[in-house]
């Protein structure tokens, strides 16, 4: 028996590190319900911003104020996202530990979501042109990035339950895929919204409106 033990252990492949169970099923159900509720609130806020912006003429003064707040909110939320994603990339490359990225992401949440809330509020003052397909793409990108940010929360919890020394290659394949998809969607939506916003703003200035 003792002689066979080392031979048997050598033939077993080393499994990927699986995240520990963070919570029991009832707690997981409450978390899912909370995420659904937050998703409904985000969608309602987005829809209210779009409808008010399209149907209410706020005048040139409020438009200028709304545009200034919009730019500041963009710098706040998008700038924070870039820093968080950069630290995540450093973890992927093995330069930092997994919990460093997670701690920054947790600390940055108020800045990110506060900036998004300001984006929605100020967006209602800058008269978005819903008849323009490019503007519609920008507005859709904002909604998608908010819902994507909510959907990744359970995966981040699983990630932070792993040992601090865990490398990206050691994470279970399913969790790696979820993280990469969420990161790609986030960056694609942010850059789409930012670039379209800059182009629309430039065209409006050239048109003198």
N, C-alpha and C. Protein backbone atom coordinates (compact mmCIF):
# COMPACT_ATOMS: atom_id res chain seq x y z
N UNK A 1 0.83 -1.20 0.00
CA UNK A 1 0.00 0.00 0.00
C UNK A 1 0.87 1.25 0.00
N UNK A 2 1.85 1.32 0.85
CA UNK A 2 2.68 2.53 0.94
C UNK A 2 3.54 2.70 -0.29
N UNK A 3 3.91 1.59 -0.92
CA UNK A 3 4.76 1.69 -2.11
C UNK A 3 3.99 2.22 -3.29
N UNK A 4 2.67 1.96 -3.35
CA UNK A 4 1.87 2.39 -4.50
C UNK A 4 1.43 3.83 -4.41
N UNK A 5 1.48 4.39 -3.21
CA UNK A 5 0.91 5.73 -3.01
C UNK A 5 1.59 6.81 -3.82
N UNK A 6 2.94 6.93 -3.83
CA UNK A 6 3.61 7.97 -4.61
C UNK A 6 3.31 7.84 -6.10
N UNK A 7 3.26 6.58 -6.63
CA UNK A 7 3.01 6.39 -8.06
C UNK A 7 1.63 6.88 -8.44
N UNK A 8 0.63 6.61 -7.60
CA UNK A 8 -0.74 7.03 -7.87
C UNK A 8 -0.85 8.54 -7.86
N UNK A 9 -0.21 9.23 -6.91
CA UNK A 9 -0.31 10.68 -6.80
C UNK A 9 0.34 11.37 -7.98
N UNK A 10 1.38 10.74 -8.57
CA UNK A 10 2.06 11.38 -9.70
C UNK A 10 1.21 11.36 -10.96
N UNK A 11 0.29 10.39 -11.07
CA UNK A 11 -0.50 10.28 -12.28
C UNK A 11 -1.72 11.19 -12.28
N UNK A 12 -2.04 11.80 -11.16
CA UNK A 12 -3.22 12.66 -11.07
C UNK A 12 -2.88 14.06 -11.56
N UNK A 13 -3.65 14.62 -12.52
CA UNK A 13 -3.38 15.99 -12.99
C UNK A 13 -3.73 17.00 -11.92
N UNK A 14 -3.01 18.10 -11.90
CA UNK A 14 -3.27 19.15 -10.92
C UNK A 14 -4.46 19.99 -11.36
N UNK A 15 -5.53 20.04 -10.57
CA UNK A 15 -6.72 20.76 -10.99
C UNK A 15 -6.54 22.26 -10.88
N UNK A 16 -7.36 23.00 -11.65
CA UNK A 16 -7.38 24.46 -11.52
C UNK A 16 -7.99 24.82 -10.18
N UNK A 17 -7.58 25.96 -9.67
CA UNK A 17 -8.08 26.39 -8.37
C UNK A 17 -9.53 26.83 -8.50
N UNK A 18 -10.39 26.23 -7.75
CA UNK A 18 -11.81 26.59 -7.75
C UNK A 18 -12.07 27.54 -6.60
N UNK A 19 -12.93 28.56 -6.81
CA UNK A 19 -13.27 29.47 -5.73
C UNK A 19 -14.09 28.77 -4.66
N UNK A 20 -13.84 29.14 -3.42
CA UNK A 20 -14.63 28.58 -2.33
C UNK A 20 -16.04 29.11 -2.39
N UNK A 21 -16.95 28.35 -1.82
CA UNK A 21 -18.33 28.80 -1.77
C UNK A 21 -18.42 30.02 -0.87
N UNK A 22 -18.92 31.13 -1.41
CA UNK A 22 -18.97 32.36 -0.65
C UNK A 22 -20.16 32.39 0.28
N UNK A 23 -21.25 31.80 -0.14
CA UNK A 23 -22.45 31.88 0.68
C UNK A 23 -23.33 30.67 0.42
N UNK A 24 -24.26 30.43 1.32
CA UNK A 24 -25.22 29.37 1.15
C UNK A 24 -26.24 29.77 0.10
N UNK A 25 -27.07 28.80 -0.33
CA UNK A 25 -28.05 29.05 -1.37
C UNK A 25 -29.02 30.17 -1.05
N UNK A 26 -29.58 30.25 0.17
CA UNK A 26 -30.47 31.37 0.47
C UNK A 26 -29.80 32.73 0.31
N UNK A 27 -28.56 32.84 0.74
CA UNK A 27 -27.83 34.10 0.60
C UNK A 27 -27.58 34.41 -0.87
N UNK A 28 -27.29 33.37 -1.64
CA UNK A 28 -27.07 33.56 -3.08
C UNK A 28 -28.35 34.01 -3.75
N UNK A 29 -29.47 33.47 -3.32
CA UNK A 29 -30.76 33.89 -3.88
C UNK A 29 -31.05 35.36 -3.57
N UNK A 30 -30.73 35.78 -2.35
CA UNK A 30 -30.95 37.19 -1.99
C UNK A 30 -30.03 38.10 -2.80
N UNK A 31 -28.80 37.64 -3.02
CA UNK A 31 -27.87 38.44 -3.82
C UNK A 31 -28.37 38.58 -5.26
N UNK A 32 -28.88 37.49 -5.83
CA UNK A 32 -29.40 37.55 -7.20
C UNK A 32 -30.61 38.48 -7.29
N UNK A 33 -31.47 38.41 -6.27
CA UNK A 33 -32.64 39.29 -6.27
C UNK A 33 -32.21 40.75 -6.16
N UNK A 34 -31.18 41.00 -5.36
CA UNK A 34 -30.67 42.37 -5.20
C UNK A 34 -30.09 42.88 -6.51
N UNK A 35 -29.36 42.01 -7.23
CA UNK A 35 -28.78 42.42 -8.50
C UNK A 35 -29.86 42.70 -9.54
N UNK A 36 -30.91 41.89 -9.53
CA UNK A 36 -32.03 42.13 -10.45
C UNK A 36 -32.70 43.46 -10.15
N UNK A 37 -32.91 43.75 -8.86
CA UNK A 37 -33.51 45.02 -8.46
C UNK A 37 -32.65 46.20 -8.88
N UNK A 38 -31.34 46.08 -8.66
CA UNK A 38 -30.42 47.15 -9.07
C UNK A 38 -30.42 47.32 -10.59
N UNK A 39 -30.53 46.20 -11.31
CA UNK A 39 -30.61 46.27 -12.77
C UNK A 39 -31.86 47.00 -13.23
N UNK A 40 -32.98 46.74 -12.56
CA UNK A 40 -34.23 47.43 -12.89
C UNK A 40 -34.11 48.92 -12.61
N UNK A 41 -33.49 49.27 -11.46
CA UNK A 41 -33.31 50.68 -11.11
C UNK A 41 -32.40 51.39 -12.11
N UNK A 42 -31.31 50.72 -12.51
CA UNK A 42 -30.40 51.32 -13.50
C UNK A 42 -31.12 51.54 -14.82
N UNK A 43 -31.89 50.55 -15.24
CA UNK A 43 -32.63 50.68 -16.50
C UNK A 43 -33.66 51.80 -16.42
N UNK A 44 -34.35 51.90 -15.28
CA UNK A 44 -35.35 52.96 -15.11
C UNK A 44 -34.69 54.34 -15.12
N UNK A 45 -33.54 54.47 -14.44
CA UNK A 45 -32.82 55.74 -14.45
C UNK A 45 -32.34 56.12 -15.83
N UNK A 46 -31.83 55.12 -16.55
CA UNK A 46 -31.37 55.35 -17.93
C UNK A 46 -32.52 55.79 -18.82
N UNK A 47 -33.66 55.09 -18.71
CA UNK A 47 -34.82 55.41 -19.53
C UNK A 47 -35.35 56.81 -19.21
N UNK A 48 -35.40 57.17 -17.92
CA UNK A 48 -35.86 58.50 -17.52
C UNK A 48 -34.94 59.58 -18.09
N UNK A 49 -33.63 59.35 -18.05
CA UNK A 49 -32.68 60.31 -18.59
C UNK A 49 -32.89 60.51 -20.09
N UNK A 50 -33.07 59.41 -20.81
CA UNK A 50 -33.26 59.49 -22.27
C UNK A 50 -34.56 60.21 -22.61
N UNK A 51 -35.64 59.87 -21.92
CA UNK A 51 -36.94 60.47 -22.23
C UNK A 51 -36.96 61.95 -21.89
N UNK A 52 -36.41 62.32 -20.75
CA UNK A 52 -36.37 63.74 -20.38
C UNK A 52 -35.50 64.51 -21.36
N UNK A 53 -34.35 63.97 -21.69
CA UNK A 53 -33.46 64.65 -22.62
C UNK A 53 -34.07 64.83 -23.99
N UNK A 54 -34.89 63.87 -24.42
CA UNK A 54 -35.48 63.93 -25.76
C UNK A 54 -36.72 64.82 -25.81
N UNK A 55 -37.48 64.88 -24.73
CA UNK A 55 -38.78 65.55 -24.77
C UNK A 55 -38.80 66.92 -24.08
N UNK A 56 -37.80 67.23 -23.27
CA UNK A 56 -37.80 68.49 -22.51
C UNK A 56 -36.69 69.39 -23.04
N UNK A 57 -37.07 70.62 -23.41
CA UNK A 57 -36.08 71.60 -23.85
C UNK A 57 -35.59 72.37 -22.62
N UNK A 58 -34.35 72.11 -22.23
CA UNK A 58 -33.82 72.72 -21.00
C UNK A 58 -33.23 74.11 -21.23
N UNK A 59 -33.09 74.54 -22.48
CA UNK A 59 -32.54 75.86 -22.76
C UNK A 59 -31.02 75.85 -22.81
N UNK A 60 -30.44 76.89 -23.41
CA UNK A 60 -28.98 76.91 -23.59
C UNK A 60 -28.18 76.96 -22.29
N UNK A 61 -28.70 77.65 -21.27
CA UNK A 61 -27.94 77.76 -20.02
C UNK A 61 -27.80 76.40 -19.34
N UNK A 62 -28.93 75.71 -19.19
CA UNK A 62 -28.88 74.38 -18.58
C UNK A 62 -28.10 73.40 -19.45
N UNK A 63 -28.15 73.61 -20.75
CA UNK A 63 -27.39 72.74 -21.65
C UNK A 63 -25.90 72.86 -21.39
N UNK A 64 -25.42 74.10 -21.22
CA UNK A 64 -24.00 74.31 -20.95
C UNK A 64 -23.60 73.73 -19.60
N UNK A 65 -24.47 73.93 -18.60
CA UNK A 65 -24.18 73.35 -17.29
C UNK A 65 -24.17 71.83 -17.36
N UNK A 66 -25.18 71.27 -18.02
CA UNK A 66 -25.26 69.82 -18.16
C UNK A 66 -24.06 69.24 -18.89
N UNK A 67 -23.58 69.95 -19.91
CA UNK A 67 -22.42 69.47 -20.66
C UNK A 67 -21.16 69.47 -19.79
N UNK A 68 -20.99 70.52 -18.97
CA UNK A 68 -19.83 70.60 -18.08
C UNK A 68 -19.87 69.47 -17.05
N UNK A 69 -21.04 69.23 -16.47
CA UNK A 69 -21.19 68.15 -15.49
C UNK A 69 -20.97 66.80 -16.17
N UNK A 70 -21.46 66.67 -17.40
CA UNK A 70 -21.31 65.43 -18.15
C UNK A 70 -19.84 65.08 -18.35
N UNK A 71 -19.05 66.08 -18.71
CA UNK A 71 -17.62 65.85 -18.93
C UNK A 71 -16.92 65.48 -17.63
N UNK A 72 -17.25 66.19 -16.54
CA UNK A 72 -16.65 65.88 -15.24
C UNK A 72 -17.02 64.47 -14.78
N UNK A 73 -18.28 64.10 -14.97
CA UNK A 73 -18.73 62.76 -14.58
C UNK A 73 -18.03 61.69 -15.41
N UNK A 74 -17.80 61.99 -16.68
CA UNK A 74 -17.11 61.04 -17.55
C UNK A 74 -15.67 60.83 -17.08
N UNK A 75 -15.00 61.93 -16.75
CA UNK A 75 -13.63 61.82 -16.25
C UNK A 75 -13.59 61.00 -14.96
N UNK A 76 -14.55 61.26 -14.08
CA UNK A 76 -14.59 60.56 -12.79
C UNK A 76 -14.80 59.06 -12.96
N UNK A 77 -15.85 58.67 -13.68
CA UNK A 77 -16.19 57.25 -13.79
C UNK A 77 -15.26 56.50 -14.73
N UNK A 78 -15.04 57.05 -15.93
CA UNK A 78 -14.19 56.36 -16.90
C UNK A 78 -12.74 56.32 -16.44
N UNK A 79 -12.26 57.41 -15.84
CA UNK A 79 -10.89 57.42 -15.33
C UNK A 79 -10.68 56.37 -14.26
N UNK A 80 -11.66 56.24 -13.38
CA UNK A 80 -11.56 55.23 -12.32
C UNK A 80 -11.57 53.82 -12.90
N UNK A 81 -12.43 53.59 -13.90
CA UNK A 81 -12.51 52.29 -14.55
C UNK A 81 -11.17 51.91 -15.18
N UNK A 82 -10.53 52.88 -15.81
CA UNK A 82 -9.24 52.60 -16.45
C UNK A 82 -8.19 52.17 -15.42
N UNK A 83 -8.18 52.84 -14.26
CA UNK A 83 -7.21 52.48 -13.22
C UNK A 83 -7.49 51.07 -12.69
N UNK A 84 -8.77 50.76 -12.44
CA UNK A 84 -9.14 49.43 -11.93
C UNK A 84 -8.76 48.34 -12.94
N UNK A 85 -9.10 48.58 -14.21
CA UNK A 85 -8.80 47.59 -15.24
C UNK A 85 -7.29 47.44 -15.46
N UNK A 86 -6.56 48.53 -15.28
CA UNK A 86 -5.10 48.45 -15.42
C UNK A 86 -4.49 47.57 -14.34
N UNK A 87 -4.99 47.72 -13.10
CA UNK A 87 -4.47 46.88 -12.02
C UNK A 87 -4.87 45.42 -12.26
N UNK A 88 -6.06 45.22 -12.82
CA UNK A 88 -6.47 43.86 -13.17
C UNK A 88 -5.56 43.25 -14.22
N UNK A 89 -5.14 44.08 -15.19
CA UNK A 89 -4.21 43.60 -16.20
C UNK A 89 -2.86 43.24 -15.59
N UNK A 90 -2.42 44.03 -14.60
CA UNK A 90 -1.16 43.72 -13.92
C UNK A 90 -1.25 42.39 -13.18
N UNK A 91 -2.42 42.10 -12.58
CA UNK A 91 -2.59 40.79 -11.94
C UNK A 91 -2.54 39.68 -12.98
N UNK A 92 -3.18 39.92 -14.14
CA UNK A 92 -3.17 38.92 -15.20
C UNK A 92 -1.74 38.61 -15.65
N UNK A 93 -0.88 39.64 -15.63
CA UNK A 93 0.52 39.46 -16.02
C UNK A 93 1.40 38.97 -14.88
N UNK A 94 0.80 38.79 -13.68
CA UNK A 94 1.56 38.28 -12.55
C UNK A 94 2.36 39.32 -11.80
N UNK A 95 2.04 40.61 -12.01
CA UNK A 95 2.80 41.69 -11.37
C UNK A 95 2.28 42.04 -9.98
N UNK A 96 1.01 41.81 -9.72
CA UNK A 96 0.43 42.10 -8.41
C UNK A 96 -0.40 40.91 -7.97
N UNK A 97 -0.76 40.88 -6.68
CA UNK A 97 -1.59 39.81 -6.17
C UNK A 97 -3.07 40.09 -6.46
N UNK A 98 -3.84 39.04 -6.46
CA UNK A 98 -5.24 39.12 -6.85
C UNK A 98 -6.05 40.06 -5.95
N UNK A 99 -5.76 40.08 -4.66
CA UNK A 99 -6.56 40.88 -3.73
C UNK A 99 -6.28 42.37 -3.86
N UNK A 100 -5.14 42.74 -4.40
CA UNK A 100 -4.86 44.16 -4.60
C UNK A 100 -5.83 44.75 -5.61
N UNK A 101 -6.07 44.02 -6.70
CA UNK A 101 -7.04 44.47 -7.69
C UNK A 101 -8.45 44.50 -7.11
N UNK A 102 -8.80 43.47 -6.34
CA UNK A 102 -10.13 43.40 -5.76
C UNK A 102 -10.39 44.51 -4.76
N UNK A 103 -9.38 44.83 -3.93
CA UNK A 103 -9.55 45.90 -2.95
C UNK A 103 -9.74 47.25 -3.64
N UNK A 104 -9.00 47.50 -4.71
CA UNK A 104 -9.16 48.75 -5.44
C UNK A 104 -10.53 48.83 -6.08
N UNK A 105 -10.98 47.70 -6.64
CA UNK A 105 -12.30 47.69 -7.28
C UNK A 105 -13.39 47.99 -6.27
N UNK A 106 -13.28 47.44 -5.06
CA UNK A 106 -14.27 47.70 -4.01
C UNK A 106 -14.25 49.16 -3.57
N UNK A 107 -13.05 49.72 -3.40
CA UNK A 107 -12.93 51.11 -2.98
C UNK A 107 -13.39 52.08 -4.07
N UNK A 108 -13.27 51.66 -5.34
CA UNK A 108 -13.60 52.55 -6.46
C UNK A 108 -15.09 52.54 -6.82
N UNK A 109 -15.85 51.60 -6.29
CA UNK A 109 -17.27 51.49 -6.66
C UNK A 109 -18.04 52.80 -6.48
N UNK A 110 -17.91 53.50 -5.33
CA UNK A 110 -18.67 54.75 -5.19
C UNK A 110 -18.32 55.79 -6.25
N UNK A 111 -17.05 55.86 -6.65
CA UNK A 111 -16.65 56.81 -7.68
C UNK A 111 -17.24 56.42 -9.04
N UNK A 112 -17.20 55.14 -9.36
CA UNK A 112 -17.70 54.67 -10.65
C UNK A 112 -19.20 54.88 -10.76
N UNK A 113 -19.94 54.40 -9.76
CA UNK A 113 -21.40 54.50 -9.84
C UNK A 113 -21.89 55.92 -9.60
N UNK A 114 -21.16 56.68 -8.78
CA UNK A 114 -21.50 58.09 -8.63
C UNK A 114 -21.32 58.84 -9.94
N UNK A 115 -20.22 58.54 -10.65
CA UNK A 115 -20.01 59.16 -11.95
C UNK A 115 -21.07 58.77 -12.95
N UNK A 116 -21.50 57.50 -12.93
CA UNK A 116 -22.55 57.06 -13.84
C UNK A 116 -23.89 57.75 -13.54
N UNK A 117 -24.17 57.93 -12.26
CA UNK A 117 -25.41 58.63 -11.88
C UNK A 117 -25.38 60.08 -12.39
N UNK A 118 -24.23 60.72 -12.27
CA UNK A 118 -24.09 62.09 -12.79
C UNK A 118 -24.20 62.11 -14.31
N UNK A 119 -23.68 61.09 -14.97
CA UNK A 119 -23.80 61.00 -16.42
C UNK A 119 -25.26 60.95 -16.85
N UNK A 120 -26.06 60.14 -16.14
CA UNK A 120 -27.48 60.05 -16.48
C UNK A 120 -28.21 61.37 -16.21
N UNK A 121 -27.91 61.98 -15.06
CA UNK A 121 -28.59 63.23 -14.71
C UNK A 121 -28.22 64.35 -15.68
N UNK A 122 -26.93 64.48 -15.97
CA UNK A 122 -26.50 65.54 -16.89
C UNK A 122 -26.87 65.23 -18.33
N UNK A 123 -26.95 63.94 -18.67
CA UNK A 123 -27.35 63.56 -20.02
C UNK A 123 -28.75 64.01 -20.37
N UNK A 124 -29.60 64.15 -19.36
CA UNK A 124 -30.97 64.63 -19.60
C UNK A 124 -31.00 66.11 -19.96
N UNK A 125 -29.90 66.82 -19.74
CA UNK A 125 -29.87 68.27 -19.99
C UNK A 125 -29.19 68.64 -21.31
N UNK A 126 -28.60 67.67 -22.01
CA UNK A 126 -27.81 68.02 -23.19
C UNK A 126 -28.51 67.64 -24.50
N UNK A 127 -29.81 67.39 -24.44
CA UNK A 127 -30.64 67.23 -25.64
C UNK A 127 -30.11 66.16 -26.59
N UNK A 128 -30.11 64.89 -26.19
CA UNK A 128 -29.64 63.83 -27.09
C UNK A 128 -30.58 63.66 -28.27
N UNK A 129 -30.03 63.46 -29.45
CA UNK A 129 -30.81 63.29 -30.67
C UNK A 129 -31.06 61.80 -30.91
N UNK A 130 -32.23 61.33 -30.51
CA UNK A 130 -32.54 59.91 -30.62
C UNK A 130 -32.77 59.47 -32.06
N UNK A 131 -32.97 60.42 -32.96
CA UNK A 131 -33.15 60.06 -34.37
C UNK A 131 -31.81 59.73 -35.04
N UNK A 132 -30.72 60.07 -34.37
CA UNK A 132 -29.39 59.78 -34.89
C UNK A 132 -28.97 58.37 -34.44
N UNK A 133 -28.77 57.43 -35.37
CA UNK A 133 -28.40 56.06 -34.98
C UNK A 133 -27.13 56.00 -34.15
N UNK A 134 -26.17 56.88 -34.42
CA UNK A 134 -24.91 56.87 -33.68
C UNK A 134 -25.15 57.24 -32.22
N UNK A 135 -26.02 58.25 -31.98
CA UNK A 135 -26.36 58.62 -30.61
C UNK A 135 -27.09 57.48 -29.90
N UNK A 136 -27.95 56.79 -30.64
CA UNK A 136 -28.67 55.65 -30.05
C UNK A 136 -27.68 54.55 -29.63
N UNK A 137 -26.64 54.35 -30.43
CA UNK A 137 -25.62 53.37 -30.06
C UNK A 137 -24.90 53.79 -28.79
N UNK A 138 -24.60 55.09 -28.69
CA UNK A 138 -23.94 55.60 -27.48
C UNK A 138 -24.80 55.36 -26.25
N UNK A 139 -26.08 55.71 -26.35
CA UNK A 139 -26.98 55.54 -25.20
C UNK A 139 -27.13 54.06 -24.84
N UNK A 140 -27.22 53.20 -25.86
CA UNK A 140 -27.30 51.77 -25.59
C UNK A 140 -26.05 51.24 -24.92
N UNK A 141 -24.89 51.79 -25.30
CA UNK A 141 -23.62 51.37 -24.69
C UNK A 141 -23.59 51.70 -23.21
N UNK A 142 -24.14 52.86 -22.84
CA UNK A 142 -24.18 53.26 -21.43
C UNK A 142 -25.02 52.28 -20.62
N UNK A 143 -26.17 51.89 -21.16
CA UNK A 143 -27.02 50.93 -20.45
C UNK A 143 -26.33 49.58 -20.31
N UNK A 144 -25.70 49.12 -21.38
CA UNK A 144 -25.03 47.81 -21.35
C UNK A 144 -23.90 47.80 -20.34
N UNK A 145 -23.12 48.87 -20.30
CA UNK A 145 -21.97 48.88 -19.37
C UNK A 145 -22.44 48.90 -17.91
N UNK A 146 -23.57 49.55 -17.63
CA UNK A 146 -24.10 49.53 -16.26
C UNK A 146 -24.55 48.13 -15.88
N UNK A 147 -25.31 47.47 -16.76
CA UNK A 147 -25.79 46.12 -16.47
C UNK A 147 -24.63 45.13 -16.41
N UNK A 148 -23.63 45.34 -17.24
CA UNK A 148 -22.43 44.49 -17.20
C UNK A 148 -21.70 44.63 -15.87
N UNK A 149 -21.63 45.87 -15.37
CA UNK A 149 -20.98 46.10 -14.08
C UNK A 149 -21.69 45.38 -12.93
N UNK A 150 -23.02 45.31 -13.02
CA UNK A 150 -23.77 44.59 -11.99
C UNK A 150 -23.58 43.07 -12.12
N UNK A 151 -23.58 42.58 -13.35
CA UNK A 151 -23.54 41.13 -13.56
C UNK A 151 -22.22 40.50 -13.14
N UNK A 152 -21.14 41.31 -13.12
CA UNK A 152 -19.83 40.75 -12.80
C UNK A 152 -19.61 40.63 -11.29
N UNK A 153 -20.50 41.20 -10.48
CA UNK A 153 -20.31 41.20 -9.03
C UNK A 153 -20.14 39.79 -8.44
N UNK A 154 -20.98 38.79 -8.79
CA UNK A 154 -20.77 37.45 -8.23
C UNK A 154 -19.41 36.85 -8.60
N UNK A 155 -18.96 37.09 -9.83
CA UNK A 155 -17.66 36.56 -10.24
C UNK A 155 -16.53 37.21 -9.45
N UNK A 156 -16.65 38.50 -9.16
CA UNK A 156 -15.63 39.16 -8.36
C UNK A 156 -15.59 38.61 -6.94
N UNK A 157 -16.75 38.27 -6.40
CA UNK A 157 -16.80 37.66 -5.06
C UNK A 157 -16.07 36.32 -5.07
N UNK A 158 -16.31 35.52 -6.10
CA UNK A 158 -15.62 34.23 -6.20
C UNK A 158 -14.11 34.44 -6.33
N UNK A 159 -13.72 35.44 -7.08
CA UNK A 159 -12.31 35.71 -7.29
C UNK A 159 -11.62 36.08 -5.99
N UNK A 160 -12.27 36.93 -5.19
CA UNK A 160 -11.66 37.38 -3.94
C UNK A 160 -11.67 36.29 -2.87
N UNK A 161 -12.43 35.21 -3.09
CA UNK A 161 -12.41 34.09 -2.15
C UNK A 161 -11.20 33.18 -2.36
N UNK A 162 -10.46 33.41 -3.45
CA UNK A 162 -9.28 32.59 -3.73
C UNK A 162 -8.08 33.09 -2.92
N UNK A 163 -7.06 32.26 -2.73
CA UNK A 163 -5.85 32.69 -2.02
C UNK A 163 -5.20 33.88 -2.72
N UNK A 164 -4.57 34.79 -1.97
CA UNK A 164 -3.97 35.99 -2.56
C UNK A 164 -2.92 35.69 -3.62
N UNK A 165 -2.23 34.56 -3.52
CA UNK A 165 -1.15 34.25 -4.45
C UNK A 165 -1.65 33.63 -5.75
N UNK A 166 -2.97 33.46 -5.89
CA UNK A 166 -3.52 32.81 -7.08
C UNK A 166 -3.21 33.60 -8.34
N UNK A 167 -2.74 32.91 -9.36
CA UNK A 167 -2.47 33.53 -10.65
C UNK A 167 -3.65 33.31 -11.59
N UNK A 168 -3.71 34.13 -12.63
CA UNK A 168 -4.83 34.06 -13.57
C UNK A 168 -4.93 32.68 -14.21
N UNK A 169 -3.79 32.09 -14.54
CA UNK A 169 -3.78 30.78 -15.19
C UNK A 169 -4.26 29.67 -14.26
N UNK A 170 -4.27 29.92 -12.95
CA UNK A 170 -4.69 28.92 -11.98
C UNK A 170 -6.18 29.00 -11.66
N UNK A 171 -6.85 30.04 -12.15
CA UNK A 171 -8.28 30.21 -11.90
C UNK A 171 -9.06 29.26 -12.80
N UNK A 172 -10.17 28.77 -12.33
CA UNK A 172 -11.00 27.86 -13.12
C UNK A 172 -11.37 28.50 -14.46
N UNK A 173 -11.43 27.70 -15.50
CA UNK A 173 -11.63 28.19 -16.86
C UNK A 173 -12.93 28.99 -16.99
N UNK A 174 -14.01 28.51 -16.38
CA UNK A 174 -15.29 29.20 -16.48
C UNK A 174 -15.22 30.60 -15.88
N UNK A 175 -14.56 30.74 -14.75
CA UNK A 175 -14.44 32.04 -14.10
C UNK A 175 -13.53 32.96 -14.92
N UNK A 176 -12.46 32.40 -15.49
CA UNK A 176 -11.58 33.21 -16.35
C UNK A 176 -12.36 33.76 -17.54
N UNK A 177 -13.20 32.93 -18.12
CA UNK A 177 -13.98 33.36 -19.28
C UNK A 177 -14.95 34.47 -18.91
N UNK A 178 -15.60 34.34 -17.77
CA UNK A 178 -16.55 35.38 -17.33
C UNK A 178 -15.84 36.71 -17.12
N UNK A 179 -14.67 36.66 -16.51
CA UNK A 179 -13.92 37.89 -16.26
C UNK A 179 -13.47 38.54 -17.56
N UNK A 180 -12.98 37.76 -18.50
CA UNK A 180 -12.51 38.31 -19.76
C UNK A 180 -13.65 38.89 -20.58
N UNK A 181 -14.80 38.21 -20.58
CA UNK A 181 -15.96 38.73 -21.32
C UNK A 181 -16.44 40.04 -20.71
N UNK A 182 -16.53 40.09 -19.37
CA UNK A 182 -16.98 41.30 -18.70
C UNK A 182 -16.02 42.46 -18.95
N UNK A 183 -14.73 42.19 -18.89
CA UNK A 183 -13.74 43.23 -19.14
C UNK A 183 -13.83 43.74 -20.57
N UNK A 184 -14.00 42.84 -21.54
CA UNK A 184 -14.09 43.24 -22.94
C UNK A 184 -15.34 44.06 -23.21
N UNK A 185 -16.46 43.63 -22.64
CA UNK A 185 -17.71 44.38 -22.82
C UNK A 185 -17.60 45.76 -22.20
N UNK A 186 -17.02 45.84 -21.00
CA UNK A 186 -16.87 47.12 -20.31
C UNK A 186 -16.04 48.10 -21.13
N UNK A 187 -14.88 47.66 -21.60
CA UNK A 187 -14.00 48.54 -22.36
C UNK A 187 -14.63 48.93 -23.70
N UNK A 188 -15.27 47.99 -24.37
CA UNK A 188 -15.91 48.28 -25.66
C UNK A 188 -17.02 49.33 -25.50
N UNK A 189 -17.85 49.16 -24.47
CA UNK A 189 -18.96 50.10 -24.26
C UNK A 189 -18.46 51.48 -23.84
N UNK A 190 -17.46 51.51 -22.95
CA UNK A 190 -16.93 52.80 -22.50
C UNK A 190 -16.31 53.57 -23.66
N UNK A 191 -15.45 52.92 -24.43
CA UNK A 191 -14.79 53.63 -25.53
C UNK A 191 -15.77 54.03 -26.62
N UNK A 192 -16.78 53.20 -26.85
CA UNK A 192 -17.81 53.56 -27.83
C UNK A 192 -18.56 54.81 -27.39
N UNK A 193 -18.99 54.84 -26.12
CA UNK A 193 -19.73 55.99 -25.61
C UNK A 193 -18.88 57.25 -25.60
N UNK A 194 -17.62 57.11 -25.18
CA UNK A 194 -16.74 58.28 -25.10
C UNK A 194 -16.45 58.85 -26.48
N UNK A 195 -16.10 58.01 -27.44
CA UNK A 195 -15.75 58.49 -28.77
C UNK A 195 -16.96 59.10 -29.49
N UNK A 196 -18.11 58.45 -29.36
CA UNK A 196 -19.32 59.02 -30.00
C UNK A 196 -19.68 60.35 -29.36
N UNK A 197 -19.55 60.43 -28.03
CA UNK A 197 -19.85 61.70 -27.36
C UNK A 197 -18.93 62.82 -27.82
N UNK A 198 -17.65 62.52 -27.97
CA UNK A 198 -16.70 63.53 -28.44
C UNK A 198 -17.01 63.96 -29.87
N UNK A 199 -17.33 63.00 -30.73
CA UNK A 199 -17.65 63.32 -32.12
C UNK A 199 -18.91 64.17 -32.21
N UNK A 200 -19.95 63.78 -31.47
CA UNK A 200 -21.20 64.55 -31.49
C UNK A 200 -20.99 65.97 -30.98
N UNK A 201 -20.21 66.10 -29.90
CA UNK A 201 -19.96 67.43 -29.35
C UNK A 201 -19.20 68.31 -30.35
N UNK A 202 -18.22 67.71 -31.03
CA UNK A 202 -17.45 68.47 -32.03
C UNK A 202 -18.32 68.90 -33.20
N UNK A 203 -19.17 67.99 -33.68
CA UNK A 203 -20.05 68.32 -34.80
C UNK A 203 -21.05 69.42 -34.43
N UNK A 204 -21.53 69.40 -33.20
CA UNK A 204 -22.45 70.45 -32.76
C UNK A 204 -21.77 71.81 -32.72
N UNK A 205 -20.54 71.84 -32.28
CA UNK A 205 -19.80 73.11 -32.25
C UNK A 205 -19.57 73.65 -33.65
N UNK A 206 -19.24 72.76 -34.57
CA UNK A 206 -19.02 73.18 -35.96
C UNK A 206 -20.34 73.71 -36.56
N UNK A 207 -21.45 73.09 -36.16
CA UNK A 207 -22.76 73.52 -36.68
C UNK A 207 -23.26 74.76 -35.98
N UNK A 208 -22.60 75.15 -34.87
CA UNK A 208 -23.00 76.34 -34.12
C UNK A 208 -24.22 76.17 -33.26
N UNK A 209 -24.56 74.92 -32.91
CA UNK A 209 -25.72 74.66 -32.06
C UNK A 209 -25.28 74.39 -30.63
